[in-house]
Amino acid sequence: MRYYEIIKVKETGRIELPIEHAYEIGLVGGAYFLVEIDTDLKEIHLERIALPGKKLVEIELVVEDKPGVLAKISGTLGRNGVNILFSESDELEGIGLGAIVAVVDTSGIKITLDELRDELESIPEVKEITLKPLD
């Protein structure tokens, strides 16, 4: 269901949503949201990524842009108990590479983050990797 509200922004830049709508979308303490800000259009978009209690890590990869690479990466994550909550990929034009950004839940991970990095780096098509735990 879609709701429309006129909300006055606080002096601190904070926005308070009506509590009944906040709870419906999972806007509770400890939840994680992706905030998309478009300064040209003067718009923001919020998307809930995870409810409280998750251990989130942002993964950034530069990979060869060819079929099957994403399947190898997601298979590695899945085998190790890592759940993909959000991902986005884009072609790096003209150089045969692609960029992948993913937010994953490592609450059920079976190995350490260093071991996960090593496994992802062992995929021949992976050229660069960054793992960043989110707080």
Protein backbone atom coordinates (compact mmCIF):
# COMPACT_ATOMS: atom_id res chain seq x y z
CA MET A 1 0.00 0.00 0.00
CA ARG A 2 1.22 3.53 -0.77
CA TYR A 3 0.90 6.42 1.70
CA TYR A 4 1.58 10.11 1.29
CA GLU A 5 2.52 12.33 4.22
CA ILE A 6 3.81 15.89 4.48
CA ILE A 7 6.64 15.77 7.01
CA LYS A 8 8.58 18.71 8.39
CA VAL A 9 12.33 18.13 8.59
CA LYS A 10 13.90 18.77 12.02
CA GLU A 11 16.66 21.38 12.43
CA THR A 12 19.18 18.50 12.66
CA GLY A 13 18.14 17.19 9.23
CA ARG A 14 16.24 14.29 10.78
CA ILE A 15 12.97 13.05 9.39
CA GLU A 16 10.38 11.38 11.59
CA LEU A 17 7.87 9.07 9.97
CA PRO A 18 4.51 8.22 11.50
CA ILE A 19 5.25 5.25 13.77
CA GLU A 20 2.63 2.96 12.22
CA HIS A 21 4.21 3.35 8.78
CA ALA A 22 7.76 3.06 10.12
CA TYR A 23 7.01 -0.32 11.69
CA GLU A 24 5.26 -1.56 8.54
CA ILE A 25 8.42 -1.07 6.47
CA GLY A 26 10.81 -2.29 9.16
CA LEU A 27 12.17 1.13 10.08
CA VAL A 28 13.24 0.08 13.57
CA GLY A 29 16.43 0.50 15.59
CA GLY A 30 19.24 -1.63 14.18
CA ALA A 31 17.66 -2.12 10.73
CA TYR A 32 19.73 -1.40 7.61
CA PHE A 33 18.47 0.67 4.69
CA LEU A 34 20.01 1.54 1.35
CA VAL A 35 19.58 5.28 0.74
CA GLU A 36 19.63 6.43 -2.87
CA ILE A 37 20.05 10.20 -3.17
CA ASP A 38 19.53 11.98 -6.50
CA THR A 39 20.68 15.57 -6.10
CA ASP A 40 19.64 16.47 -9.66
CA LEU A 41 16.04 15.37 -9.12
CA LYS A 42 16.03 16.37 -5.42
CA GLU A 43 14.78 12.91 -4.48
CA ILE A 44 15.68 10.17 -2.04
CA HIS A 45 14.66 6.55 -2.04
CA LEU A 46 14.95 4.15 0.91
CA GLU A 47 15.08 0.39 0.52
CA ARG A 48 15.23 -1.92 3.52
CA ILE A 49 18.16 -4.27 3.23
CA ALA A 50 18.08 -6.09 6.57
CA LEU A 51 16.27 -6.21 9.88
CA PRO A 52 18.26 -6.04 13.15
CA GLY A 53 20.51 -8.93 14.12
CA LYS A 54 22.35 -9.37 10.82
CA LYS A 55 26.11 -9.14 10.34
CA LEU A 56 26.45 -7.18 7.12
CA VAL A 57 29.48 -6.93 4.87
CA GLU A 58 29.77 -4.88 1.70
CA ILE A 59 31.67 -6.68 -1.06
CA GLU A 60 33.11 -4.75 -4.00
CA LEU A 61 34.56 -6.69 -6.92
CA VAL A 62 36.16 -5.87 -10.24
CA VAL A 63 35.77 -8.87 -12.53
CA GLU A 64 36.16 -9.93 -16.12
CA ASP A 65 32.89 -9.13 -17.86
CA LYS A 66 31.86 -12.51 -19.22
CA PRO A 67 29.09 -15.08 -18.70
CA GLY A 68 29.21 -17.25 -15.59
CA VAL A 69 31.34 -14.99 -13.37
CA LEU A 70 28.43 -13.89 -11.19
CA ALA A 71 27.36 -17.53 -10.81
CA LYS A 72 30.85 -18.49 -9.57
CA ILE A 73 30.81 -15.65 -7.03
CA SER A 74 27.29 -16.34 -5.75
CA GLY A 75 28.06 -20.07 -5.58
CA THR A 76 31.14 -19.38 -3.45
CA LEU A 77 29.11 -17.19 -1.12
CA GLY A 78 26.27 -19.72 -0.85
CA ARG A 79 28.57 -22.69 -0.14
CA ASN A 80 30.07 -20.73 2.73
CA GLY A 81 26.77 -19.74 4.36
CA VAL A 82 26.76 -16.13 3.14
CA ASN A 83 23.38 -14.69 2.12
CA ILE A 84 23.23 -12.01 -0.60
CA LEU A 85 20.78 -9.29 0.46
CA PHE A 86 21.47 -6.74 -2.28
CA SER A 87 23.65 -6.67 -5.36
CA GLU A 88 24.27 -4.44 -8.31
CA SER A 89 26.60 -4.84 -11.24
CA ASP A 90 27.72 -2.61 -14.07
CA GLU A 91 29.94 -2.91 -17.11
CA LEU A 92 33.13 -0.84 -17.07
CA GLU A 93 32.84 0.30 -20.68
CA GLY A 94 35.44 -0.57 -23.22
CA ILE A 95 37.86 -2.45 -20.98
CA GLY A 96 36.18 -5.86 -20.66
CA LEU A 97 35.63 -5.56 -16.93
CA GLY A 98 32.61 -5.29 -14.70
CA ALA A 99 32.00 -3.93 -11.21
CA ILE A 100 29.88 -5.77 -8.66
CA VAL A 101 28.75 -4.38 -5.32
CA ALA A 102 26.89 -6.64 -2.91
CA VAL A 103 25.66 -6.38 0.65
CA VAL A 104 25.70 -9.79 2.29
CA ASP A 105 24.68 -11.25 5.64
CA THR A 106 27.51 -13.20 7.24
CA SER A 107 25.54 -14.31 10.31
CA GLY A 108 25.76 -17.94 9.12
CA ILE A 109 29.24 -17.84 7.60
CA LYS A 110 31.21 -21.10 7.90
CA ILE A 111 34.68 -19.54 7.45
CA THR A 112 36.46 -16.29 8.37
CA LEU A 113 36.21 -13.17 6.20
CA ASP A 114 39.89 -13.57 5.31
CA GLU A 115 39.21 -17.11 4.11
CA LEU A 116 36.21 -15.86 2.13
CA ARG A 117 38.39 -13.18 0.50
CA ASP A 118 40.94 -15.88 -0.41
CA GLU A 119 38.25 -18.09 -1.98
CA LEU A 120 36.83 -15.19 -4.00
CA GLU A 121 40.33 -14.16 -5.11
CA SER A 122 40.94 -17.73 -6.31
CA ILE A 123 38.23 -17.26 -8.97
CA PRO A 124 40.34 -16.50 -12.08
CA GLU A 125 37.99 -13.78 -13.34
CA VAL A 126 38.12 -11.78 -10.08
CA LYS A 127 40.67 -8.97 -10.47
CA GLU A 128 40.05 -6.87 -7.32
CA ILE A 129 38.08 -7.40 -4.13
CA THR A 130 37.22 -5.32 -1.08
CA LEU A 131 35.33 -6.63 1.96
CA LYS A 132 33.98 -3.99 4.34
CA PRO A 133 32.01 -4.98 7.49
CA LEU A 134 29.10 -2.58 8.09
CA ASP A 135 28.18 -1.35 11.55
